[in-house]
Amino acid sequence: MTFLRPFTLKALDNPQPAGTYRLVVDEDEILGVSILAYRRVATMLQTPALAVRVGAVQFHLVDPADLTAALDADRAALDEP
């Protein structure tokens, strides 16, 4: 996922710079239903951004709603004059 401006998430201690980040979604199959279905177990954001080649890679457990709000705010900033 790509952020065009710096962003913050509740799960992260510091604001993150603009860039493209890897999002990892862990899902489990829901057994006992008539169709193949999955439920989300965890959503993790990898830092630093993919273009950064310095430092250790970390995965942060993030709230999907918080992530969506940050992405929406990033996109809304494009509409500002």
Protein backbone atom coordinates (compact mmCIF):
# COMPACT_ATOMS: atom_id res chain seq x y z
CA MET A 1 0.00 0.00 0.00
CA THR A 2 1.25 3.45 -0.88
CA PHE A 3 1.02 6.61 1.20
CA LEU A 4 1.69 9.84 -0.64
CA ARG A 5 2.24 11.83 2.57
CA PRO A 6 3.65 11.00 6.03
CA PHE A 7 1.11 9.14 8.16
CA THR A 8 0.48 7.92 11.68
CA LEU A 9 -1.16 4.80 13.06
CA LYS A 10 -2.07 4.01 16.65
CA ALA A 11 0.09 0.86 16.51
CA LEU A 12 3.24 2.80 15.53
CA ASP A 13 5.29 4.91 17.91
CA ASN A 14 6.32 7.50 15.33
CA PRO A 15 4.94 9.01 12.13
CA GLN A 16 6.04 7.12 9.03
CA PRO A 17 7.31 8.79 5.88
CA ALA A 18 5.46 8.65 2.58
CA GLY A 19 6.21 5.51 0.60
CA THR A 20 5.06 2.06 -0.37
CA TYR A 21 4.63 -0.43 2.46
CA ARG A 22 4.00 -4.16 2.49
CA LEU A 23 0.70 -5.17 4.10
CA VAL A 24 0.37 -8.76 5.31
CA VAL A 25 -3.08 -10.16 6.05
CA ASP A 26 -3.32 -13.47 7.93
CA GLU A 27 -6.57 -15.36 7.40
CA ASP A 28 -8.02 -18.65 8.68
CA GLU A 29 -10.47 -20.81 6.78
CA ILE A 30 -13.95 -20.91 8.29
CA LEU A 31 -14.84 -24.57 8.60
CA GLY A 32 -18.34 -26.00 8.50
CA VAL A 33 -19.87 -23.63 5.96
CA SER A 34 -21.09 -24.65 2.50
CA ILE A 35 -18.75 -22.27 0.62
CA LEU A 36 -15.06 -21.56 0.96
CA ALA A 37 -14.74 -18.64 3.36
CA TYR A 38 -12.00 -16.99 5.39
CA ARG A 39 -11.85 -14.62 8.33
CA ARG A 40 -9.09 -12.14 8.99
CA VAL A 41 -6.95 -13.05 11.96
CA ALA A 42 -4.29 -10.34 11.77
CA THR A 43 -3.28 -7.34 9.68
CA MET A 44 0.40 -6.37 9.77
CA LEU A 45 2.30 -3.46 8.24
CA GLN A 46 5.98 -3.91 7.42
CA THR A 47 8.32 -1.03 8.18
CA PRO A 48 10.34 0.64 6.89
CA ALA A 49 8.90 1.41 3.44
CA LEU A 50 9.97 -0.95 0.65
CA ALA A 51 12.34 1.59 -0.93
CA VAL A 52 14.32 1.97 2.32
CA ARG A 53 17.23 -0.45 2.46
CA VAL A 54 18.57 0.54 5.89
CA GLY A 55 17.79 -1.02 9.24
CA ALA A 56 15.83 -4.01 10.38
CA VAL A 57 12.45 -4.93 8.95
CA GLN A 58 9.62 -4.96 11.49
CA PHE A 59 6.03 -6.11 11.29
CA HIS A 60 3.44 -4.17 13.29
CA LEU A 61 0.01 -5.53 14.16
CA VAL A 62 -2.39 -2.79 13.01
CA ASP A 63 -6.11 -2.18 13.27
CA PRO A 64 -7.63 -2.43 9.76
CA ALA A 65 -10.03 0.45 10.54
CA ASP A 66 -7.13 2.68 11.65
CA LEU A 67 -5.23 1.76 8.49
CA THR A 68 -8.25 2.57 6.30
CA ALA A 69 -8.71 5.93 8.06
CA ALA A 70 -5.03 6.83 7.49
CA LEU A 71 -5.26 5.86 3.83
CA ASP A 72 -8.50 7.84 3.39
CA ALA A 73 -6.88 10.91 5.01
CA ASP A 74 -3.89 10.52 2.69
CA ARG A 75 -6.15 10.42 -0.36
CA ALA A 76 -8.29 13.32 0.88
CA ALA A 77 -5.16 15.46 1.11
CA LEU A 78 -4.87 15.14 -2.68
CA ASP A 79 -8.18 16.95 -3.08
CA GLU A 80 -7.05 19.95 -1.01
CA PRO A 81 -5.97 23.03 -2.94
